Amino acid sequence: MTQVDVLLGLQWGDEGKGKIVDVLSPQYDLIARFQGGPNAGHTLEFDGKKFVLNTIPSGIFNEKTMNLIGNGVVIDPIILKRELDNLKKAGHDPVAKGKLVIARKAHLILPTHQLLDAANEQKMGKDKIGSTLKGIGPTYMDKTGRNGLRVGDTTLPDFKERYNKLVEKHKEILSHYEFEYDLTEKEAAFFEAVEFIKNIPHVDSEHFVNGYLKEGKTVLAEGAQGTLLDVDFGSYPFVTSSNTTTAGACTGLGIAPNKVGAVYGIFKAYCTRVGGGPFPTELDDEVGETLRQVGHEFGATTGRARRCGWIDLPALKYAIMLNGVTELIMMKADVLDGFDTIYACTHYEHNGETIDYMPYDIISVKPIPVLKAIEGWKTDVTKVSKIEEIPAKLSEYIAFLEKELEVPVKYLSVGPDRVQTLELI
């Protein structure tokens, strides 16, 4: 029996997972998204075109690959319908080609979930989490509170009754906020989209994925967000509402831990974060702005400017440990092309100690990064197409990271297009 390889982000999200899934998809029979919702924005570029996927797995552009939206994902039918409509207009129709299935046990995002999300952020004011306002958190709350609606429920005769019961609960909660809303248009669009997604095959993801494994087929589990946003192990409470780590692939698809194979950990050559919360290496200065502009660091889903800073090795070591990473993938090396000197955080000064790990509390007591200066390569690497063409200083930077992180870098990305990806080992 084959195993499920896992691909996930090691920082605060936006590492470039979508591009790499697209690059690797020809090697796999099935790409399975295992957590998160349309708060994800996976950007793919090829043939002069740019696509942003929110819910659909990033293997959708490979003709031979099946794609599964797993049970750990929360689905907004309106956004999913819009995604598929846009893909169809661009000449890609995975539904017609039979290349997309949805887990029956995946939970649905209702319009009132989004209202609850917005009302709560408004009430929190300056202490807000920085939610994407897509209704993700409230949907996962209903899931764990055993009130949620699932994709499989849409085919039941009493679905509308179940929907109304949950909406009434949401309206009662909203009555305690000073928050005005009108559900009319959103609700009509929701039920139209629900009818639409009934045309996409619904499967039991646990049987579906394990069936692929029994047949000796290859499976890649695709994560969303990043390890440092994991609801258990991230910078709580400034986290997402799901498990973004390898363990989340097990519960988000229905696979046993011993079925996990290679674990690909993706990271940027620097670091970014969207929304509120701690960010030890953040550069709130001209250098940070340069990283933002050169790296086009604006959210694919929200358009929000990302906070930027130097690479954080204690955080990366933590993420590698949690996920059991076997191979690293370094993204956006080209963004650092113009720097004479780049920096890497090797330790923190925290509570009077010098430590090389991420401590429990990085919010009330902010870690002070200890930075190591590294000579830049001052070369345009976007045209590099062979390993032999990689600048010596960039090779030295990669070797430094491999030594510190104790995991090899298998792939190097030197630009946004799928062809700008080098396999190093």
Protein backbone atom coordinates (compact mmCIF):
# COMPACT_ATOMS: atom_id res chain seq x y z
CA MET A 1 0.00 0.00 0.00
CA THR A 2 1.27 3.48 -0.87
CA GLN A 3 1.29 6.39 1.56
CA VAL A 4 -0.10 9.91 1.54
CA ASP A 5 2.50 12.64 1.07
CA VAL A 6 1.69 15.93 2.80
CA LEU A 7 2.47 19.45 1.65
CA LEU A 8 2.01 22.33 4.06
CA GLY A 9 3.26 25.77 5.07
CA LEU A 10 5.82 26.26 7.84
CA GLN A 11 5.26 29.96 8.56
CA TRP A 12 2.15 32.15 8.93
CA GLY A 13 0.68 31.12 5.58
CA ASP A 14 1.12 32.58 2.09
CA GLU A 15 4.27 30.52 1.53
CA GLY A 16 3.37 29.50 -2.01
CA LYS A 17 1.70 26.14 -1.45
CA GLY A 18 -0.58 26.45 -4.47
CA LYS A 19 2.29 26.88 -6.91
CA ILE A 20 4.16 23.85 -5.61
CA VAL A 21 1.08 21.61 -5.55
CA ASP A 22 0.57 22.60 -9.18
CA VAL A 23 4.21 21.77 -9.96
CA LEU A 24 4.06 18.40 -8.19
CA SER A 25 0.57 17.35 -9.30
CA PRO A 26 1.76 15.37 -12.38
CA GLN A 27 3.38 12.97 -9.89
CA TYR A 28 0.08 12.26 -8.10
CA ASP A 29 -3.22 10.56 -8.90
CA LEU A 30 -5.11 12.50 -6.21
CA ILE A 31 -4.68 15.94 -4.61
CA ALA A 32 -6.70 16.21 -1.40
CA ARG A 33 -7.25 19.48 0.46
CA PHE A 34 -7.56 18.67 4.17
CA GLN A 35 -8.43 21.81 6.17
CA GLY A 36 -9.31 25.50 6.15
CA GLY A 37 -11.81 27.29 3.98
CA PRO A 38 -12.02 30.09 1.43
CA ASN A 39 -9.80 32.20 3.67
CA ALA A 40 -7.03 30.46 1.72
CA GLY A 41 -5.70 32.03 -1.45
CA HIS A 42 -3.52 29.71 -3.52
CA THR A 43 -2.01 31.62 -6.45
CA LEU A 44 -0.87 29.77 -9.58
CA GLU A 45 0.78 31.25 -12.68
CA PHE A 46 1.51 29.53 -15.98
CA ASP A 47 1.21 30.23 -19.70
CA GLY A 48 0.98 33.94 -18.97
CA LYS A 49 -2.17 33.49 -16.86
CA LYS A 50 -2.80 33.88 -13.13
CA PHE A 51 -5.35 31.91 -11.10
CA VAL A 52 -6.33 32.23 -7.43
CA LEU A 53 -7.97 29.20 -5.79
CA ASN A 54 -9.76 29.49 -2.46
CA THR A 55 -11.34 26.07 -1.91
CA ILE A 56 -10.46 23.91 -4.89
CA PRO A 57 -7.23 21.86 -4.62
CA SER A 58 -4.31 23.19 -6.66
CA GLY A 59 -3.99 20.04 -8.75
CA ILE A 60 -7.01 21.06 -10.77
CA PHE A 61 -4.98 22.12 -13.81
CA ASN A 62 -3.36 18.74 -14.32
CA GLU A 63 -5.51 16.69 -16.68
CA LYS A 64 -4.87 13.28 -15.10
CA THR A 65 -5.20 14.24 -11.43
CA MET A 66 -8.36 13.80 -9.34
CA ASN A 67 -9.04 16.49 -6.73
CA LEU A 68 -10.83 16.07 -3.40
CA ILE A 69 -12.15 18.74 -1.04
CA GLY A 70 -11.78 16.80 2.21
CA ASN A 71 -13.97 16.52 5.28
CA GLY A 72 -11.74 18.87 7.28
CA VAL A 73 -12.47 21.77 4.91
CA VAL A 74 -15.31 24.23 5.50
CA ILE A 75 -17.07 25.16 2.27
CA ASP A 76 -18.88 28.33 1.27
CA PRO A 77 -21.10 27.12 -1.61
CA ILE A 78 -21.30 30.65 -3.04
CA ILE A 79 -17.52 31.03 -3.25
CA LEU A 80 -17.05 27.49 -4.56
CA LYS A 81 -19.61 28.11 -7.32
CA ARG A 82 -17.90 31.39 -8.23
CA GLU A 83 -14.50 29.66 -8.37
CA LEU A 84 -15.82 26.96 -10.68
CA ASP A 85 -17.67 29.46 -12.87
CA ASN A 86 -14.45 31.48 -13.28
CA LEU A 87 -12.44 28.36 -14.11
CA LYS A 88 -15.01 27.35 -16.71
CA LYS A 89 -14.82 30.78 -18.35
CA ALA A 90 -11.02 30.39 -18.50
CA GLY A 91 -11.33 27.05 -20.26
CA HIS A 92 -10.94 24.77 -17.23
CA ASP A 93 -14.02 22.81 -16.15
CA PRO A 94 -13.09 20.17 -13.55
CA VAL A 95 -16.73 19.29 -12.91
CA ALA A 96 -17.43 18.46 -16.54
CA LYS A 97 -14.18 16.49 -16.72
CA GLY A 98 -15.05 14.55 -13.56
CA LYS A 99 -11.88 15.75 -11.78
CA LEU A 100 -13.44 17.15 -8.58
CA VAL A 101 -15.25 15.49 -5.68
CA ILE A 102 -16.38 16.79 -2.29
CA ALA A 103 -16.43 15.03 1.07
CA ARG A 104 -19.94 14.56 2.44
CA LYS A 105 -18.64 15.32 5.93
CA ALA A 106 -17.23 18.75 5.01
CA HIS A 107 -19.10 21.50 6.85
CA LEU A 108 -20.96 24.32 5.15
CA ILE A 109 -20.38 28.03 5.73
CA LEU A 110 -23.74 29.80 5.98
CA PRO A 111 -24.28 33.51 5.28
CA THR A 112 -24.96 33.98 9.00
CA HIS A 113 -21.54 32.52 9.83
CA GLN A 114 -20.02 35.46 7.95
CA LEU A 115 -22.26 37.90 9.85
CA LEU A 116 -21.14 36.42 13.17
CA ASP A 117 -17.51 36.71 12.06
CA ALA A 118 -17.91 40.39 11.14
CA ALA A 119 -19.93 41.26 14.24
CA ASN A 120 -17.35 39.70 16.55
CA GLU A 121 -14.40 41.45 14.88
CA GLN A 122 -16.28 44.76 15.06
CA LYS A 123 -16.92 44.29 18.76
CA MET A 124 -13.27 43.42 19.49
CA GLY A 125 -12.05 46.65 17.87
CA LYS A 126 -8.29 47.10 18.19
CA ASP A 127 -7.98 43.64 19.77
CA LYS A 128 -9.49 41.90 16.74
CA ILE A 129 -7.87 38.71 15.41
CA GLY A 130 -7.62 39.97 11.84
CA SER A 131 -10.14 37.52 10.43
CA THR A 132 -10.74 37.36 6.69
CA LEU A 133 -14.47 37.67 7.55
CA LYS A 134 -15.27 34.56 5.51
CA GLY A 135 -17.12 32.90 8.41
CA ILE A 136 -14.45 30.29 9.01
CA GLY A 137 -14.21 30.55 12.80
CA PRO A 138 -17.98 30.49 13.47
CA THR A 139 -18.36 27.49 11.13
CA TYR A 140 -15.72 25.50 12.98
CA MET A 141 -17.37 26.55 16.26
CA ASP A 142 -20.66 25.04 15.09
CA LYS A 143 -18.77 21.95 13.96
CA THR A 144 -17.23 21.36 17.40
CA GLY A 145 -20.48 22.46 19.06
CA ARG A 146 -22.27 19.73 17.09
CA ASN A 147 -24.66 22.18 15.45
CA GLY A 148 -23.17 22.36 11.96
CA LEU A 149 -24.53 21.50 8.55
CA ARG A 150 -22.53 19.27 6.24
CA VAL A 151 -22.39 18.78 2.49
CA GLY A 152 -24.19 15.45 2.83
CA ASP A 153 -27.09 17.18 4.57
CA THR A 154 -27.95 19.10 1.40
CA THR A 155 -29.47 15.95 -0.11
CA LEU A 156 -31.73 15.23 2.89
CA PRO A 157 -35.44 16.11 2.68
CA ASP A 158 -35.31 18.24 5.83
CA PHE A 159 -32.23 20.29 4.86
CA LYS A 160 -34.19 23.56 4.80
CA GLU A 161 -35.52 22.88 8.31
CA ARG A 162 -32.01 22.17 9.58
CA TYR A 163 -30.80 25.34 7.92
CA ASN A 164 -33.54 27.47 9.48
CA LYS A 165 -32.88 26.01 12.93
CA LEU A 166 -29.19 26.94 12.76
CA VAL A 167 -29.91 30.40 11.33
CA GLU A 168 -32.32 31.13 14.18
CA LYS A 169 -29.57 30.27 16.63
CA HIS A 170 -27.22 32.66 14.79
CA LYS A 171 -29.82 35.45 14.78
CA GLU A 172 -30.23 35.09 18.53
CA ILE A 173 -26.47 35.54 18.98
CA LEU A 174 -26.43 38.52 16.59
CA SER A 175 -29.17 40.21 18.61
CA HIS A 176 -26.58 40.78 21.35
CA TYR A 177 -24.37 42.82 18.99
CA GLU A 178 -24.91 46.31 17.66
CA PHE A 179 -24.75 45.02 14.12
CA GLU A 180 -27.11 45.62 11.23
CA TYR A 181 -27.54 43.12 8.42
CA ASP A 182 -29.81 42.00 5.57
CA LEU A 183 -29.76 38.31 4.64
CA THR A 184 -32.04 38.44 1.60
CA GLU A 185 -29.53 38.46 -1.27
CA LYS A 186 -26.94 36.25 0.42
CA GLU A 187 -29.53 33.65 1.35
CA ALA A 188 -30.88 33.43 -2.21
CA ALA A 189 -27.32 33.06 -3.56
CA PHE A 190 -26.59 30.40 -0.92
CA PHE A 191 -29.47 28.13 -1.93
CA GLU A 192 -28.70 28.60 -5.62
CA ALA A 193 -25.10 27.55 -4.93
CA VAL A 194 -26.23 24.57 -2.83
CA GLU A 195 -28.19 23.29 -5.82
CA PHE A 196 -25.10 23.79 -7.96
CA ILE A 197 -22.77 21.77 -5.72
CA LYS A 198 -25.23 18.88 -5.72
CA ASN A 199 -23.95 18.29 -9.26
CA ILE A 200 -20.43 17.63 -7.94
CA PRO A 201 -19.99 14.02 -6.72
CA HIS A 202 -20.15 13.67 -2.94
CA VAL A 203 -17.90 11.01 -1.41
CA ASP A 204 -16.90 9.64 1.96
CA SER A 205 -13.35 11.00 1.95
CA GLU A 206 -12.01 8.39 4.35
CA HIS A 207 -13.04 5.55 2.01
CA PHE A 208 -12.15 7.52 -1.09
CA VAL A 209 -8.56 8.27 -0.07
CA ASN A 210 -7.87 4.87 1.45
CA GLY A 211 -9.30 3.29 -1.69
CA TYR A 212 -6.68 5.12 -3.74
CA LEU A 213 -3.96 3.83 -1.40
CA LYS A 214 -5.17 0.24 -1.62
CA GLU A 215 -4.95 0.47 -5.40
CA GLY A 216 -1.34 1.67 -5.13
CA LYS A 217 -2.17 5.15 -6.38
CA THR A 218 -0.32 8.28 -5.30
CA VAL A 219 -1.95 10.88 -3.04
CA LEU A 220 -0.82 14.36 -1.98
CA ALA A 221 -2.56 16.09 0.94
CA GLU A 222 -2.67 19.87 0.45
CA GLY A 223 -2.76 22.19 3.46
CA ALA A 224 -3.96 25.77 3.73
CA GLN A 225 -2.75 28.64 5.94
CA GLY A 226 0.49 27.83 7.85
CA THR A 227 1.80 25.87 10.82
CA LEU A 228 2.13 28.96 13.02
CA LEU A 229 -1.62 29.53 12.58
CA ASP A 230 -2.55 26.05 13.87
CA VAL A 231 -5.35 26.33 16.43
CA ASP A 232 -3.40 24.19 18.93
CA PHE A 233 0.24 25.04 18.22
CA GLY A 234 0.15 28.47 16.61
CA SER A 235 0.40 31.93 18.15
CA TYR A 236 -2.92 31.56 19.96
CA PRO A 237 -5.37 33.33 19.92
CA PHE A 238 -4.08 34.91 16.69
CA VAL A 239 -4.56 31.69 14.77
CA THR A 240 -6.96 30.05 12.33
CA SER A 241 -9.67 27.63 13.47
CA SER A 242 -8.28 24.34 12.20
CA ASN A 243 -5.24 22.10 12.53
CA THR A 244 -2.85 23.17 9.79
CA THR A 245 -0.20 20.58 10.67
CA THR A 246 0.42 17.04 9.41
CA ALA A 247 -1.89 15.72 12.13
CA GLY A 248 -4.66 17.75 10.50
CA ALA A 249 -4.21 15.75 7.30
CA CYS A 250 -5.13 12.59 9.21
CA THR A 251 -8.35 13.98 10.68
CA GLY A 252 -9.11 16.17 7.65
CA LEU A 253 -9.12 13.24 5.22
CA GLY A 254 -9.61 10.13 7.31
CA ILE A 255 -6.17 8.53 7.06
CA ALA A 256 -4.22 6.79 9.80
CA PRO A 257 -0.92 8.32 11.01
CA ASN A 258 1.06 5.36 9.65
CA LYS A 259 -0.23 6.19 6.17
CA VAL A 260 1.73 9.49 6.08
CA GLY A 261 4.75 9.38 3.75
CA ALA A 262 6.91 12.34 2.75
CA VAL A 263 6.15 15.69 4.38
CA TYR A 264 7.02 18.71 2.26
CA GLY A 265 7.47 21.88 4.31
CA ILE A 266 7.24 25.15 2.39
CA PHE A 267 8.81 28.40 3.57
CA LYS A 268 9.75 31.76 2.11
CA ALA A 269 13.35 32.95 2.03
CA TYR A 270 12.05 35.65 4.38
CA CYS A 271 8.80 35.77 6.37
CA THR A 272 5.34 37.34 6.15
CA ARG A 273 2.15 37.48 8.16
CA VAL A 274 -1.40 38.76 7.51
CA GLY A 275 -3.65 40.13 10.25
CA GLY A 276 -2.96 40.65 13.94
CA GLY A 277 -0.71 38.72 16.28
CA PRO A 278 2.97 38.39 17.17
CA PHE A 279 5.70 38.48 14.52
CA PRO A 280 9.17 38.53 16.14
CA THR A 281 11.17 39.38 13.00
CA GLU A 282 8.76 41.96 11.56
CA LEU A 283 10.37 44.93 9.81
CA ASP A 284 8.17 47.99 10.21
CA ASP A 285 10.52 50.14 8.15
CA GLU A 286 11.78 50.75 4.61
CA VAL A 287 13.29 47.27 4.39
CA GLY A 288 9.96 45.69 5.27
CA GLU A 289 8.23 47.88 2.69
CA THR A 290 10.80 46.85 0.08
CA LEU A 291 10.09 43.17 0.78
CA ARG A 292 6.37 43.89 0.48
CA GLN A 293 6.61 45.71 -2.83
CA VAL A 294 9.20 43.47 -4.51
CA GLY A 295 7.47 40.32 -3.27
CA HIS A 296 3.98 41.61 -4.14
CA GLU A 297 2.98 40.76 -0.61
CA PHE A 298 -0.72 41.44 -0.71
CA GLY A 299 -3.33 38.82 0.18
CA ALA A 300 -4.60 36.76 -2.76
CA THR A 301 -8.02 36.50 -1.09
CA THR A 302 -8.34 39.79 0.80
CA GLY A 303 -5.86 42.11 -0.94
CA ARG A 304 -4.53 43.11 2.48
CA ALA A 305 -0.91 44.16 2.75
CA ARG A 306 1.18 41.47 4.40
CA ARG A 307 3.55 42.27 7.23
CA CYS A 308 7.12 41.39 6.24
CA GLY A 309 10.32 40.46 8.06
CA TRP A 310 13.46 38.33 8.04
CA ILE A 311 13.39 34.54 8.16
CA ASP A 312 12.77 33.14 11.66
CA LEU A 313 14.74 29.93 12.33
CA PRO A 314 13.42 29.15 15.85
CA ALA A 315 9.90 29.28 14.41
CA LEU A 316 10.91 27.12 11.44
CA LYS A 317 12.56 24.52 13.69
CA TYR A 318 9.36 24.40 15.73
CA ALA A 319 7.22 23.90 12.61
CA ILE A 320 9.55 21.20 11.24
CA MET A 321 9.36 19.32 14.55
CA LEU A 322 5.56 19.50 14.74
CA ASN A 323 5.07 18.29 11.18
CA GLY A 324 7.81 15.69 10.85
CA VAL A 325 9.09 17.49 7.75
CA THR A 326 11.25 15.31 5.52
CA GLU A 327 11.97 17.79 2.70
CA LEU A 328 11.98 21.57 2.49
CA ILE A 329 10.86 23.84 -0.32
CA MET A 330 12.21 27.40 -0.36
CA MET A 331 10.08 30.01 -2.06
CA LYS A 332 10.63 33.56 -3.33
CA ALA A 333 14.42 33.57 -3.28
CA ASP A 334 14.20 36.13 -6.09
CA VAL A 335 12.66 38.73 -3.75
CA LEU A 336 16.01 38.99 -1.96
CA ASP A 337 18.00 39.55 -5.18
CA GLY A 338 18.59 43.26 -4.57
CA PHE A 339 19.89 43.10 -0.99
CA ASP A 340 23.58 43.59 -0.20
CA THR A 341 22.98 41.90 3.15
CA ILE A 342 20.12 39.72 4.34
CA TYR A 343 19.48 38.52 7.87
CA ALA A 344 18.29 35.37 9.61
CA CYS A 345 16.95 35.19 13.15
CA THR A 346 18.88 32.37 14.85
CA HIS A 347 17.76 32.91 18.47
CA TYR A 348 15.44 34.99 20.64
CA GLU A 349 16.21 37.09 23.69
CA HIS A 350 13.24 36.26 25.90
CA ASN A 351 12.72 36.83 29.63
CA GLY A 352 16.44 37.43 30.12
CA GLU A 353 17.46 34.24 28.30
CA THR A 354 18.86 33.47 24.86
CA ILE A 355 16.77 30.64 23.41
CA ASP A 356 16.52 28.90 20.02
CA TYR A 357 12.92 27.73 20.29
CA MET A 358 9.47 29.31 20.20
CA PRO A 359 8.27 29.81 23.79
CA TYR A 360 4.70 29.54 25.08
CA ASP A 361 4.13 33.28 25.40
CA ILE A 362 5.28 35.51 22.54
CA ILE A 363 2.43 37.98 22.93
CA SER A 364 2.70 39.63 26.36
CA VAL A 365 6.49 39.14 26.39
CA LYS A 366 7.76 39.78 22.88
CA PRO A 367 10.90 37.87 21.83
CA ILE A 368 13.75 40.04 20.59
CA PRO A 369 15.30 38.42 17.50
CA VAL A 370 19.02 37.72 17.43
CA LEU A 371 20.01 38.29 13.81
CA LYS A 372 22.85 36.81 11.77
CA ALA A 373 24.06 38.88 8.81
CA ILE A 374 24.44 37.00 5.50
CA GLU A 375 25.97 38.37 2.33
CA GLY A 376 23.44 38.74 -0.48
CA TRP A 377 23.86 37.37 -3.99
CA LYS A 378 22.99 40.60 -5.86
CA THR A 379 21.94 38.64 -8.94
CA ASP A 380 18.66 38.33 -10.82
CA VAL A 381 17.75 34.67 -10.24
CA THR A 382 14.41 34.76 -12.08
CA LYS A 383 16.16 33.57 -15.26
CA VAL A 384 18.00 30.72 -13.53
CA SER A 385 16.87 27.42 -15.03
CA LYS A 386 19.66 25.04 -13.97
CA ILE A 387 21.24 24.20 -10.64
CA GLU A 388 24.65 25.18 -12.01
CA GLU A 389 23.38 28.74 -12.60
CA ILE A 390 22.44 29.38 -8.97
CA PRO A 391 24.64 32.18 -7.55
CA ALA A 392 27.26 30.97 -5.08
CA LYS A 393 25.96 33.21 -2.28
CA LEU A 394 22.43 31.86 -2.70
CA SER A 395 23.82 28.31 -2.55
CA GLU A 396 25.64 29.29 0.65
CA TYR A 397 22.39 30.66 2.10
CA ILE A 398 20.60 27.40 1.30
CA ALA A 399 23.44 25.36 2.84
CA PHE A 400 23.29 27.54 5.97
CA LEU A 401 19.55 26.90 6.30
CA GLU A 402 19.95 23.16 5.75
CA LYS A 403 22.57 22.99 8.49
CA GLU A 404 20.44 24.99 10.94
CA LEU A 405 17.17 23.19 10.16
CA GLU A 406 18.67 19.70 9.67
CA VAL A 407 16.40 18.99 6.69
CA PRO A 408 17.41 19.18 2.99
CA VAL A 409 15.96 21.78 0.63
CA LYS A 410 14.58 19.78 -2.31
CA TYR A 411 13.01 22.57 -4.38
CA LEU A 412 13.89 26.21 -4.91
CA SER A 413 11.44 28.73 -6.37
CA VAL A 414 12.93 31.72 -8.21
CA GLY A 415 9.74 33.30 -9.57
CA PRO A 416 5.94 32.97 -9.62
CA ASP A 417 5.59 30.84 -12.77
CA ARG A 418 5.48 27.06 -12.43
CA VAL A 419 8.59 26.77 -14.67
CA GLN A 420 10.60 28.91 -12.25
CA THR A 421 11.09 25.97 -9.91
CA LEU A 422 14.37 24.08 -9.53
CA GLU A 423 14.74 20.58 -8.14
CA LEU A 424 17.96 20.58 -6.10
CA ILE A 425 18.14 16.94 -5.00
